[in-house]
């Protein structure tokens, strides 16, 4: 299918992505199907913004790890300007999808793009900065595959298999986690862990609108608001410093409080789909990829159960 540009539809779109259609077969053969009911097919989504120094090693690390189930890795370059996208060339693994925003829209927007194109039964975010280890992923999958849990979080145990770059990051996470527990009558240990293993249908049934780091908070708040309590599994963590590229700051803590309050006061529902009638995702062809890809026409043409909304005036920045 030849890629084509979509005409504007009332207002300009900020998002330009490429998407492989579900009926495409990547080079090297088709991706594994989810299989029989109860089996797991894991979609790992890796947002990346100016991660040229680590992105290639991160992709290799994820693809080389052993898994007890089929996986796909979806890398979304969020408008990087340091050569991150170019570092992704040359991979031949059929499990790999590569997508790109033409400008920086935020980590949340990159995760939403990955969520929209994922084909698995469960989704797991995984950062491109090598702070987490893919070797922990099988431990997260074990409770799901055993039928013990639907939602599993990889919890960073303070003082055990972890390195924090500063006191304020660790203390800030503890404070935000305590606030979430009070608001939702829960007892989770790590609100802001990246490793959140959640059924894809559950995520797509949530009204997720945050496009920056706030989506991390919004996902957990929505999970708790819907009555789920994550099964927690300890994972390793090696935090990098701001000098090494860490991007989260105090403004994100303020946003976290706002998101927690908004979701707590929202009306619970089994399936909250975002209004996508006025939001289109225009697409452009990019460099040839090693996996077969097709261009998504527009968001309203995407599967009806994809809850994805990217504001047309989304603020730049991760």
C-alpha atoms as a PDB file:
ATOM      1  CA  UNK A   1       0.000   0.000   0.000  1.00  0.00           C
ATOM      2  CA  UNK A   2       1.448   3.352  -0.999  1.00  0.00           C
ATOM      3  CA  UNK A   3       1.752   5.899   1.811  1.00  0.00           C
ATOM      4  CA  UNK A   4      -0.330   9.015   1.269  1.00  0.00           C
ATOM      5  CA  UNK A   5      -0.854  12.292   3.046  1.00  0.00           C
ATOM      6  CA  UNK A   6      -4.221  13.138   4.530  1.00  0.00           C
ATOM      7  CA  UNK A   7      -5.739  16.548   3.834  1.00  0.00           C
ATOM      8  CA  UNK A   8      -6.366  18.829   6.816  1.00  0.00           C
ATOM      9  CA  UNK A   9      -9.718  18.277   8.512  1.00  0.00           C
ATOM     10  CA  UNK A  10     -10.796  21.545  10.084  1.00  0.00           C
ATOM     11  CA  UNK A  11      -7.668  22.062  12.144  1.00  0.00           C
ATOM     12  CA  UNK A  12      -4.038  21.047  11.756  1.00  0.00           C
ATOM     13  CA  UNK A  13      -2.811  17.917  13.426  1.00  0.00           C
ATOM     14  CA  UNK A  14       0.320  17.886  15.538  1.00  0.00           C
ATOM     15  CA  UNK A  15       0.994  14.174  15.216  1.00  0.00           C
ATOM     16  CA  UNK A  16       2.586  12.457  12.266  1.00  0.00           C
ATOM     17  CA  UNK A  17       3.191   8.755  12.630  1.00  0.00           C
ATOM     18  CA  UNK A  18       3.651   5.595  10.661  1.00  0.00           C
ATOM     19  CA  UNK A  19       1.719   2.472  11.512  1.00  0.00           C
ATOM     20  CA  UNK A  20       1.877  -1.124  10.431  1.00  0.00           C
ATOM     21  CA  UNK A  21      -1.596  -2.487   9.707  1.00  0.00           C
ATOM     22  CA  UNK A  22      -2.719  -5.547  11.626  1.00  0.00           C
ATOM     23  CA  UNK A  23      -2.910  -7.674   8.479  1.00  0.00           C
ATOM     24  CA  UNK A  24       0.636  -6.901   7.331  1.00  0.00           C
ATOM     25  CA  UNK A  25       3.309  -9.541   7.674  1.00  0.00           C
ATOM     26  CA  UNK A  26       6.741  -8.199   8.664  1.00  0.00           C
ATOM     27  CA  UNK A  27       9.817  -9.366   6.854  1.00  0.00           C
ATOM     28  CA  UNK A  28      10.888 -12.693   8.276  1.00  0.00           C
ATOM     29  CA  UNK A  29       7.327 -13.964   8.728  1.00  0.00           C
ATOM     30  CA  UNK A  30       4.188 -13.013  10.650  1.00  0.00           C
ATOM     31  CA  UNK A  31       4.240 -11.934  14.254  1.00  0.00           C
ATOM     32  CA  UNK A  32       2.963 -14.571  16.687  1.00  0.00           C
ATOM     33  CA  UNK A  33      -0.780 -14.391  17.263  1.00  0.00           C
ATOM     34  CA  UNK A  34      -2.082 -14.067  20.811  1.00  0.00           C
ATOM     35  CA  UNK A  35      -3.192 -17.708  20.698  1.00  0.00           C
ATOM     36  CA  UNK A  36      -5.827 -19.390  22.839  1.00  0.00           C
ATOM     37  CA  UNK A  37      -7.795 -17.521  25.522  1.00  0.00           C
ATOM     38  CA  UNK A  38      -5.643 -17.006  28.603  1.00  0.00           C
ATOM     39  CA  UNK A  39      -2.388 -16.801  26.663  1.00  0.00           C
ATOM     40  CA  UNK A  40      -0.315 -13.619  26.645  1.00  0.00           C
ATOM     41  CA  UNK A  41       1.123 -11.692  23.713  1.00  0.00           C
ATOM     42  CA  UNK A  42       3.154  -8.800  25.118  1.00  0.00           C
ATOM     43  CA  UNK A  43       3.452  -5.412  23.417  1.00  0.00           C
ATOM     44  CA  UNK A  44       6.445  -3.505  24.803  1.00  0.00           C
ATOM     45  CA  UNK A  45       6.279   0.228  24.019  1.00  0.00           C
ATOM     46  CA  UNK A  46       9.513   2.226  24.136  1.00  0.00           C
ATOM     47  CA  UNK A  47       9.096   6.038  23.889  1.00  0.00           C
ATOM     48  CA  UNK A  48      12.324   7.822  22.985  1.00  0.00           C
ATOM     49  CA  UNK A  49      13.209  11.511  22.922  1.00  0.00           C
ATOM     50  CA  UNK A  50      16.836  12.470  22.311  1.00  0.00           C
ATOM     51  CA  UNK A  51      18.141   9.088  23.461  1.00  0.00           C
ATOM     52  CA  UNK A  52      20.752   8.553  20.723  1.00  0.00           C
ATOM     53  CA  UNK A  53      23.330   7.505  23.304  1.00  0.00           C
ATOM     54  CA  UNK A  54      21.280   4.574  24.605  1.00  0.00           C
ATOM     55  CA  UNK A  55      18.463   3.752  22.167  1.00  0.00           C
ATOM     56  CA  UNK A  56      20.285   1.107  20.165  1.00  0.00           C
ATOM     57  CA  UNK A  57      21.537  -0.715  23.249  1.00  0.00           C
ATOM     58  CA  UNK A  58      18.061  -0.484  24.795  1.00  0.00           C
ATOM     59  CA  UNK A  59      16.417  -2.062  21.731  1.00  0.00           C
ATOM     60  CA  UNK A  60      19.016  -4.820  21.582  1.00  0.00           C
ATOM     61  CA  UNK A  61      18.621  -5.409  25.326  1.00  0.00           C
ATOM     62  CA  UNK A  62      14.853  -5.862  25.043  1.00  0.00           C
ATOM     63  CA  UNK A  63      15.007  -8.048  21.936  1.00  0.00           C
ATOM     64  CA  UNK A  64      17.754 -10.270  23.391  1.00  0.00           C
ATOM     65  CA  UNK A  65      15.988 -10.973  26.690  1.00  0.00           C
ATOM     66  CA  UNK A  66      14.237 -14.349  27.138  1.00  0.00           C
ATOM     67  CA  UNK A  67      10.434 -14.295  27.377  1.00  0.00           C
ATOM     68  CA  UNK A  68       7.865 -16.943  28.265  1.00  0.00           C
ATOM     69  CA  UNK A  69       5.435 -15.629  25.635  1.00  0.00           C
ATOM     70  CA  UNK A  70       5.438 -13.922  22.205  1.00  0.00           C
ATOM     71  CA  UNK A  71       6.376 -10.223  22.219  1.00  0.00           C
ATOM     72  CA  UNK A  72       6.573  -7.216  19.957  1.00  0.00           C
ATOM     73  CA  UNK A  73       8.660  -4.097  20.579  1.00  0.00           C
ATOM     74  CA  UNK A  74       7.181  -0.775  19.461  1.00  0.00           C
ATOM     75  CA  UNK A  75       9.676   2.091  19.450  1.00  0.00           C
ATOM     76  CA  UNK A  76       8.202   5.590  19.104  1.00  0.00           C
ATOM     77  CA  UNK A  77      10.716   8.346  18.405  1.00  0.00           C
ATOM     78  CA  UNK A  78       9.069  11.475  19.792  1.00  0.00           C
ATOM     79  CA  UNK A  79      10.562  14.048  17.451  1.00  0.00           C
ATOM     80  CA  UNK A  80      14.179  13.626  18.543  1.00  0.00           C
ATOM     81  CA  UNK A  81      16.788  16.048  17.211  1.00  0.00           C
ATOM     82  CA  UNK A  82      19.958  14.210  18.246  1.00  0.00           C
ATOM     83  CA  UNK A  83      19.932  11.318  15.750  1.00  0.00           C
ATOM     84  CA  UNK A  84      17.854   8.891  17.813  1.00  0.00           C
ATOM     85  CA  UNK A  85      15.790   7.877  14.791  1.00  0.00           C
ATOM     86  CA  UNK A  86      18.880   7.249  12.683  1.00  0.00           C
ATOM     87  CA  UNK A  87      20.271   4.956  15.388  1.00  0.00           C
ATOM     88  CA  UNK A  88      17.283   2.665  14.799  1.00  0.00           C
ATOM     89  CA  UNK A  89      18.329   1.698  11.286  1.00  0.00           C
ATOM     90  CA  UNK A  90      19.607  -1.767  10.457  1.00  0.00           C
ATOM     91  CA  UNK A  91      17.485  -3.896  12.758  1.00  0.00           C
ATOM     92  CA  UNK A  92      16.104  -7.012  11.075  1.00  0.00           C
ATOM     93  CA  UNK A  93      14.017  -8.448  13.898  1.00  0.00           C
ATOM     94  CA  UNK A  94      10.385  -9.054  12.774  1.00  0.00           C
ATOM     95  CA  UNK A  95       9.187  -8.300  16.320  1.00  0.00           C
ATOM     96  CA  UNK A  96      10.255  -4.660  15.975  1.00  0.00           C
ATOM     97  CA  UNK A  97       8.033  -1.746  14.915  1.00  0.00           C
ATOM     98  CA  UNK A  98       9.478   1.751  14.496  1.00  0.00           C
ATOM     99  CA  UNK A  99       7.265   4.857  14.547  1.00  0.00           C
ATOM    100  CA  UNK A 100       8.070   8.540  14.589  1.00  0.00           C
ATOM    101  CA  UNK A 101       6.493  11.846  15.594  1.00  0.00           C
ATOM    102  CA  UNK A 102       7.775  14.610  13.353  1.00  0.00           C
ATOM    103  CA  UNK A 103       8.030  16.915  16.361  1.00  0.00           C
ATOM    104  CA  UNK A 104       8.263  16.418  20.101  1.00  0.00           C
ATOM    105  CA  UNK A 105       4.785  15.957  21.600  1.00  0.00           C
ATOM    106  CA  UNK A 106       5.666  14.368  24.937  1.00  0.00           C
ATOM    107  CA  UNK A 107       6.304  10.963  26.430  1.00  0.00           C
ATOM    108  CA  UNK A 108       2.604  10.422  27.010  1.00  0.00           C
ATOM    109  CA  UNK A 109       1.808  11.090  23.353  1.00  0.00           C
ATOM    110  CA  UNK A 110       4.461   8.553  22.335  1.00  0.00           C
ATOM    111  CA  UNK A 111       2.926   5.950  24.650  1.00  0.00           C
ATOM    112  CA  UNK A 112      -0.532   6.662  23.218  1.00  0.00           C
ATOM    113  CA  UNK A 113       0.814   6.122  19.713  1.00  0.00           C
ATOM    114  CA  UNK A 114       2.300   2.804  20.805  1.00  0.00           C
ATOM    115  CA  UNK A 115      -0.972   1.873  22.449  1.00  0.00           C
ATOM    116  CA  UNK A 116      -2.892   2.603  19.259  1.00  0.00           C
ATOM    117  CA  UNK A 117      -0.753   0.347  17.066  1.00  0.00           C
ATOM    118  CA  UNK A 118      -0.093  -2.475  19.554  1.00  0.00           C
ATOM    119  CA  UNK A 119      -1.326  -5.958  18.651  1.00  0.00           C
ATOM    120  CA  UNK A 120      -0.796  -7.754  21.936  1.00  0.00           C
ATOM    121  CA  UNK A 121      -3.048  -8.798  24.789  1.00  0.00           C
ATOM    122  CA  UNK A 122      -1.006  -6.814  27.331  1.00  0.00           C
ATOM    123  CA  UNK A 123       1.094  -3.660  27.129  1.00  0.00           C
ATOM    124  CA  UNK A 124       4.252  -2.742  29.027  1.00  0.00           C
ATOM    125  CA  UNK A 125       6.052   0.621  28.768  1.00  0.00           C
ATOM    126  CA  UNK A 126       9.845   0.374  28.802  1.00  0.00           C
ATOM    127  CA  UNK A 127      12.144   3.406  28.853  1.00  0.00           C
ATOM    128  CA  UNK A 128      14.962   3.852  26.355  1.00  0.00           C
ATOM    129  CA  UNK A 129      17.457   5.110  28.948  1.00  0.00           C
ATOM    130  CA  UNK A 130      18.493   1.697  30.385  1.00  0.00           C
ATOM    131  CA  UNK A 131      17.340   2.568  33.918  1.00  0.00           C
ATOM    132  CA  UNK A 132      15.330  -0.681  33.954  1.00  0.00           C
ATOM    133  CA  UNK A 133      16.318  -4.212  32.986  1.00  0.00           C
ATOM    134  CA  UNK A 134      14.395  -6.327  30.473  1.00  0.00           C
ATOM    135  CA  UNK A 135      15.492  -9.371  32.447  1.00  0.00           C
ATOM    136  CA  UNK A 136      12.831  -8.414  35.020  1.00  0.00           C
ATOM    137  CA  UNK A 137       9.995  -8.645  32.493  1.00  0.00           C
ATOM    138  CA  UNK A 138       9.471 -12.442  32.771  1.00  0.00           C
ATOM    139  CA  UNK A 139       8.846 -11.994  36.500  1.00  0.00           C
ATOM    140  CA  UNK A 140       6.097  -9.495  35.714  1.00  0.00           C
ATOM    141  CA  UNK A 141       4.527 -11.902  33.242  1.00  0.00           C
ATOM    142  CA  UNK A 142       4.498 -14.877  35.620  1.00  0.00           C
ATOM    143  CA  UNK A 143       1.461 -13.829  37.741  1.00  0.00           C
ATOM    144  CA  UNK A 144      -0.557 -13.023  34.605  1.00  0.00           C
ATOM    145  CA  UNK A 145       0.302 -16.284  32.863  1.00  0.00           C
ATOM    146  CA  UNK A 146      -0.506 -18.202  36.045  1.00  0.00           C
ATOM    147  CA  UNK A 147      -3.905 -16.528  36.258  1.00  0.00           C
ATOM    148  CA  UNK A 148      -3.136 -14.834  39.575  1.00  0.00           C
ATOM    149  CA  UNK A 149      -3.346 -11.218  38.409  1.00  0.00           C
ATOM    150  CA  UNK A 150      -4.446  -9.006  35.529  1.00  0.00           C
ATOM    151  CA  UNK A 151      -2.367  -5.912  36.325  1.00  0.00           C
ATOM    152  CA  UNK A 152       1.249  -6.269  37.478  1.00  0.00           C
ATOM    153  CA  UNK A 153       3.656  -3.493  38.478  1.00  0.00           C
ATOM    154  CA  UNK A 154       7.422  -3.771  38.675  1.00  0.00           C
ATOM    155  CA  UNK A 155       8.109  -2.110  42.019  1.00  0.00           C
ATOM    156  CA  UNK A 156      11.399  -0.435  42.824  1.00  0.00           C
ATOM    157  CA  UNK A 157      12.254  -1.400  46.394  1.00  0.00           C
ATOM    158  CA  UNK A 158      14.121   1.484  47.978  1.00  0.00           C
ATOM    159  CA  UNK A 159      17.438   0.207  49.236  1.00  0.00           C
ATOM    160  CA  UNK A 160      17.274  -3.135  47.395  1.00  0.00           C
ATOM    161  CA  UNK A 161      18.603  -3.589  43.844  1.00  0.00           C
ATOM    162  CA  UNK A 162      18.130   0.124  43.180  1.00  0.00           C
ATOM    163  CA  UNK A 163      20.254   3.235  42.702  1.00  0.00           C
ATOM    164  CA  UNK A 164      18.614   6.666  42.971  1.00  0.00           C
ATOM    165  CA  UNK A 165      20.457   9.686  41.628  1.00  0.00           C
ATOM    166  CA  UNK A 166      19.174  12.040  44.335  1.00  0.00           C
ATOM    167  CA  UNK A 167      17.068  12.187  47.482  1.00  0.00           C
ATOM    168  CA  UNK A 168      14.419  14.413  45.922  1.00  0.00           C
ATOM    169  CA  UNK A 169      13.511  11.907  43.208  1.00  0.00           C
ATOM    170  CA  UNK A 170      13.036   9.074  45.687  1.00  0.00           C
ATOM    171  CA  UNK A 171      11.237  11.221  48.255  1.00  0.00           C
ATOM    172  CA  UNK A 172       9.020  12.782  45.599  1.00  0.00           C
ATOM    173  CA  UNK A 173       7.909   9.380  44.355  1.00  0.00           C
ATOM    174  CA  UNK A 174       7.170   8.252  47.906  1.00  0.00           C
ATOM    175  CA  UNK A 175       5.074  11.376  48.539  1.00  0.00           C
ATOM    176  CA  UNK A 176       3.080  11.012  45.311  1.00  0.00           C
ATOM    177  CA  UNK A 177       2.552   7.302  45.990  1.00  0.00           C
ATOM    178  CA  UNK A 178       1.206   8.090  49.459  1.00  0.00           C
ATOM    179  CA  UNK A 179      -1.187  10.663  47.979  1.00  0.00           C
ATOM    180  CA  UNK A 180      -2.475   8.132  45.446  1.00  0.00           C
ATOM    181  CA  UNK A 181      -3.018   5.563  48.207  1.00  0.00           C
ATOM    182  CA  UNK A 182      -5.006   8.046  50.282  1.00  0.00           C
ATOM    183  CA  UNK A 183      -7.155   9.181  47.348  1.00  0.00           C
ATOM    184  CA  UNK A 184      -7.954   5.695  46.048  1.00  0.00           C
ATOM    185  CA  UNK A 185      -7.824   3.676  49.292  1.00  0.00           C
ATOM    186  CA  UNK A 186      -5.038   1.543  47.848  1.00  0.00           C
ATOM    187  CA  UNK A 187      -1.645   0.381  49.058  1.00  0.00           C
ATOM    188  CA  UNK A 188       0.692   0.412  46.089  1.00  0.00           C
ATOM    189  CA  UNK A 189       4.423   0.859  46.650  1.00  0.00           C
ATOM    190  CA  UNK A 190       5.612   2.675  43.526  1.00  0.00           C
ATOM    191  CA  UNK A 191       3.265   5.035  41.676  1.00  0.00           C
ATOM    192  CA  UNK A 192       5.818   6.073  39.073  1.00  0.00           C
ATOM    193  CA  UNK A 193       7.433   2.809  38.101  1.00  0.00           C
ATOM    194  CA  UNK A 194       7.783   2.574  34.338  1.00  0.00           C
ATOM    195  CA  UNK A 195       7.064  -1.159  34.328  1.00  0.00           C
ATOM    196  CA  UNK A 196       3.263  -1.299  34.340  1.00  0.00           C
ATOM    197  CA  UNK A 197       1.910  -4.502  32.790  1.00  0.00           C
ATOM    198  CA  UNK A 198      -1.742  -3.820  31.923  1.00  0.00           C
ATOM    199  CA  UNK A 199      -4.228  -5.592  29.616  1.00  0.00           C
ATOM    200  CA  UNK A 200      -4.397  -3.642  26.372  1.00  0.00           C
ATOM    201  CA  UNK A 201      -8.200  -3.689  26.306  1.00  0.00           C
ATOM    202  CA  UNK A 202      -8.274  -2.128  29.761  1.00  0.00           C
ATOM    203  CA  UNK A 203      -5.950   0.684  28.666  1.00  0.00           C
ATOM    204  CA  UNK A 204      -7.953   1.314  25.517  1.00  0.00           C
ATOM    205  CA  UNK A 205     -11.103   1.540  27.593  1.00  0.00           C
ATOM    206  CA  UNK A 206      -9.740   4.430  29.655  1.00  0.00           C
ATOM    207  CA  UNK A 207     -10.033   8.123  28.860  1.00  0.00           C
ATOM    208  CA  UNK A 208      -6.309   8.857  28.652  1.00  0.00           C
ATOM    209  CA  UNK A 209      -5.573  12.444  27.641  1.00  0.00           C
ATOM    210  CA  UNK A 210      -2.222  13.378  29.195  1.00  0.00           C
ATOM    211  CA  UNK A 211       0.555  13.796  26.636  1.00  0.00           C
ATOM    212  CA  UNK A 212       3.557  14.358  28.880  1.00  0.00           C
ATOM    213  CA  UNK A 213       4.823  12.574  31.992  1.00  0.00           C
ATOM    214  CA  UNK A 214       1.331  12.976  33.420  1.00  0.00           C
ATOM    215  CA  UNK A 215       0.179   9.915  31.468  1.00  0.00           C
ATOM    216  CA  UNK A 216       2.246   7.748  33.814  1.00  0.00           C
ATOM    217  CA  UNK A 217       0.180   9.051  36.727  1.00  0.00           C
ATOM    218  CA  UNK A 218      -3.064   8.945  34.745  1.00  0.00           C
ATOM    219  CA  UNK A 219      -2.672   5.249  33.924  1.00  0.00           C
ATOM    220  CA  UNK A 220      -2.164   4.240  37.549  1.00  0.00           C
ATOM    221  CA  UNK A 221      -4.922   6.541  38.785  1.00  0.00           C
ATOM    222  CA  UNK A 222      -7.314   5.089  36.195  1.00  0.00           C
ATOM    223  CA  UNK A 223      -6.332   1.518  37.085  1.00  0.00           C
ATOM    224  CA  UNK A 224      -7.091   2.249  40.743  1.00  0.00           C
ATOM    225  CA  UNK A 225     -10.282   4.188  39.886  1.00  0.00           C
ATOM    226  CA  UNK A 226     -11.569   1.173  37.954  1.00  0.00           C
ATOM    227  CA  UNK A 227     -11.099  -0.985  41.054  1.00  0.00           C
ATOM    228  CA  UNK A 228      -7.938  -2.857  40.061  1.00  0.00           C
ATOM    229  CA  UNK A 229      -5.080  -3.343  42.504  1.00  0.00           C
ATOM    230  CA  UNK A 230      -1.720  -4.122  40.883  1.00  0.00           C
ATOM    231  CA  UNK A 231       0.166  -7.262  41.813  1.00  0.00           C
ATOM    232  CA  UNK A 232       3.636  -5.969  42.698  1.00  0.00           C
ATOM    233  CA  UNK A 233       6.897  -7.645  41.705  1.00  0.00           C
ATOM    234  CA  UNK A 234      10.321  -6.273  42.759  1.00  0.00           C
ATOM    235  CA  UNK A 235      12.554  -5.049  39.929  1.00  0.00           C
ATOM    236  CA  UNK A 236      16.011  -3.527  39.654  1.00  0.00           C
ATOM    237  CA  UNK A 237      16.533   0.152  38.877  1.00  0.00           C
ATOM    238  CA  UNK A 238      19.552   2.333  38.188  1.00  0.00           C
ATOM    239  CA  UNK A 239      18.552   5.995  38.008  1.00  0.00           C
ATOM    240  CA  UNK A 240      20.467   8.377  35.806  1.00  0.00           C
ATOM    241  CA  UNK A 241      21.132  12.014  36.689  1.00  0.00           C
ATOM    242  CA  UNK A 242      19.851  15.157  34.984  1.00  0.00           C
ATOM    243  CA  UNK A 243      23.345  15.633  33.577  1.00  0.00           C
ATOM    244  CA  UNK A 244      23.032  12.196  31.976  1.00  0.00           C
ATOM    245  CA  UNK A 245      19.687  13.105  30.409  1.00  0.00           C
ATOM    246  CA  UNK A 246      16.971  12.618  33.039  1.00  0.00           C
ATOM    247  CA  UNK A 247      14.113  14.931  32.047  1.00  0.00           C
ATOM    248  CA  UNK A 248      11.515  14.802  34.815  1.00  0.00           C
ATOM    249  CA  UNK A 249      11.327  17.854  37.099  1.00  0.00           C
ATOM    250  CA  UNK A 250       9.265  19.579  39.779  1.00  0.00           C
ATOM    251  CA  UNK A 251       6.621  20.711  37.296  1.00  0.00           C
ATOM    252  CA  UNK A 252       5.846  17.070  36.660  1.00  0.00           C
ATOM    253  CA  UNK A 253       5.180  16.588  40.387  1.00  0.00           C
ATOM    254  CA  UNK A 254       2.647  19.422  40.258  1.00  0.00           C
ATOM    255  CA  UNK A 255       1.053  17.799  37.225  1.00  0.00           C
ATOM    256  CA  UNK A 256       0.933  14.493  39.097  1.00  0.00           C
ATOM    257  CA  UNK A 257      -1.142  16.032  41.902  1.00  0.00           C
ATOM    258  CA  UNK A 258      -3.486  17.600  39.347  1.00  0.00           C
ATOM    259  CA  UNK A 259      -3.986  14.330  37.472  1.00  0.00           C
ATOM    260  CA  UNK A 260      -4.588  12.318  40.652  1.00  0.00           C
ATOM    261  CA  UNK A 261      -7.255  14.774  41.762  1.00  0.00           C
ATOM    262  CA  UNK A 262      -8.935  14.910  38.357  1.00  0.00           C
ATOM    263  CA  UNK A 263      -9.156  11.144  37.965  1.00  0.00           C
ATOM    264  CA  UNK A 264     -10.340  10.664  41.566  1.00  0.00           C
ATOM    265  CA  UNK A 265     -13.215  13.097  40.989  1.00  0.00           C
ATOM    266  CA  UNK A 266     -14.153  11.668  37.604  1.00  0.00           C
ATOM    267  CA  UNK A 267     -17.105   9.376  37.045  1.00  0.00           C
ATOM    268  CA  UNK A 268     -16.061   5.715  36.961  1.00  0.00           C
ATOM    269  CA  UNK A 269     -17.043   3.720  33.888  1.00  0.00           C
ATOM    270  CA  UNK A 270     -16.209   0.349  32.417  1.00  0.00           C
ATOM    271  CA  UNK A 271     -15.180   1.815  29.090  1.00  0.00           C
ATOM    272  CA  UNK A 272     -14.401   5.512  28.667  1.00  0.00           C
ATOM    273  CA  UNK A 273     -13.457   6.240  25.093  1.00  0.00           C
ATOM    274  CA  UNK A 274     -11.920   9.565  24.214  1.00  0.00           C
ATOM    275  CA  UNK A 275     -13.789  11.774  21.756  1.00  0.00           C
ATOM    276  CA  UNK A 276     -11.738  11.452  18.586  1.00  0.00           C
ATOM    277  CA  UNK A 277     -14.209  12.979  16.150  1.00  0.00           C
ATOM    278  CA  UNK A 278     -12.133  16.157  15.736  1.00  0.00           C
ATOM    279  CA  UNK A 279      -8.646  14.681  16.137  1.00  0.00           C
ATOM    280  CA  UNK A 280      -6.888  13.261  13.093  1.00  0.00           C
ATOM    281  CA  UNK A 281      -3.413  11.792  12.916  1.00  0.00           C
ATOM    282  CA  UNK A 282      -1.862  12.826   9.629  1.00  0.00           C
ATOM    283  CA  UNK A 283       0.963  10.622   8.426  1.00  0.00           C
ATOM    284  CA  UNK A 284       4.056  10.959   6.315  1.00  0.00           C
ATOM    285  CA  UNK A 285       6.348   8.308   4.876  1.00  0.00           C
ATOM    286  CA  UNK A 286       9.777   8.090   6.476  1.00  0.00           C
ATOM    287  CA  UNK A 287      12.880   6.068   5.733  1.00  0.00           C
ATOM    288  CA  UNK A 288      12.286   2.476   4.583  1.00  0.00           C
ATOM    289  CA  UNK A 289      11.969   0.192   7.593  1.00  0.00           C
ATOM    290  CA  UNK A 290      13.078  -3.384   7.955  1.00  0.00           C
ATOM    291  CA  UNK A 291       9.603  -4.367   9.153  1.00  0.00           C
ATOM    292  CA  UNK A 292       6.667  -4.194   6.767  1.00  0.00           C
ATOM    293  CA  UNK A 293       4.634  -1.072   7.523  1.00  0.00           C
ATOM    294  CA  UNK A 294       1.461   0.565   6.314  1.00  0.00           C
ATOM    295  CA  UNK A 295       0.268   4.099   6.895  1.00  0.00           C
ATOM    296  CA  UNK A 296      -2.692   4.704   9.170  1.00  0.00           C
ATOM    297  CA  UNK A 297      -5.244   6.890   7.380  1.00  0.00           C
ATOM    298  CA  UNK A 298      -6.683   8.811  10.321  1.00  0.00           C
ATOM    299  CA  UNK A 299      -7.621   8.216  13.904  1.00  0.00           C
ATOM    300  CA  UNK A 300     -11.378   7.873  13.266  1.00  0.00           C
ATOM    301  CA  UNK A 301     -10.542   5.120  10.767  1.00  0.00           C
ATOM    302  CA  UNK A 302      -8.575   3.220  13.397  1.00  0.00           C
ATOM    303  CA  UNK A 303     -10.213   0.418  15.397  1.00  0.00           C
ATOM    304  CA  UNK A 304     -13.151   1.801  17.355  1.00  0.00           C
ATOM    305  CA  UNK A 305     -11.779   0.592  20.685  1.00  0.00           C
ATOM    306  CA  UNK A 306      -8.578   2.637  20.464  1.00  0.00           C
ATOM    307  CA  UNK A 307      -8.780   5.373  23.074  1.00  0.00           C
ATOM    308  CA  UNK A 308      -6.243   7.867  21.787  1.00  0.00           C
ATOM    309  CA  UNK A 309      -6.515  11.631  21.882  1.00  0.00           C
ATOM    310  CA  UNK A 310      -3.626  13.964  21.142  1.00  0.00           C
ATOM    311  CA  UNK A 311      -4.594  17.626  21.592  1.00  0.00           C
ATOM    312  CA  UNK A 312      -3.903  19.706  18.488  1.00  0.00           C
ATOM    313  CA  UNK A 313      -2.094  22.268  20.599  1.00  0.00           C
ATOM    314  CA  UNK A 314      -0.086  19.793  22.652  1.00  0.00           C
ATOM    315  CA  UNK A 315       2.841  21.465  24.344  1.00  0.00           C
ATOM    316  CA  UNK A 316       6.210  20.403  23.032  1.00  0.00           C
ATOM    317  CA  UNK A 317       8.503  18.565  25.348  1.00  0.00           C
ATOM    318  CA  UNK A 318       8.677  15.208  27.044  1.00  0.00           C
END
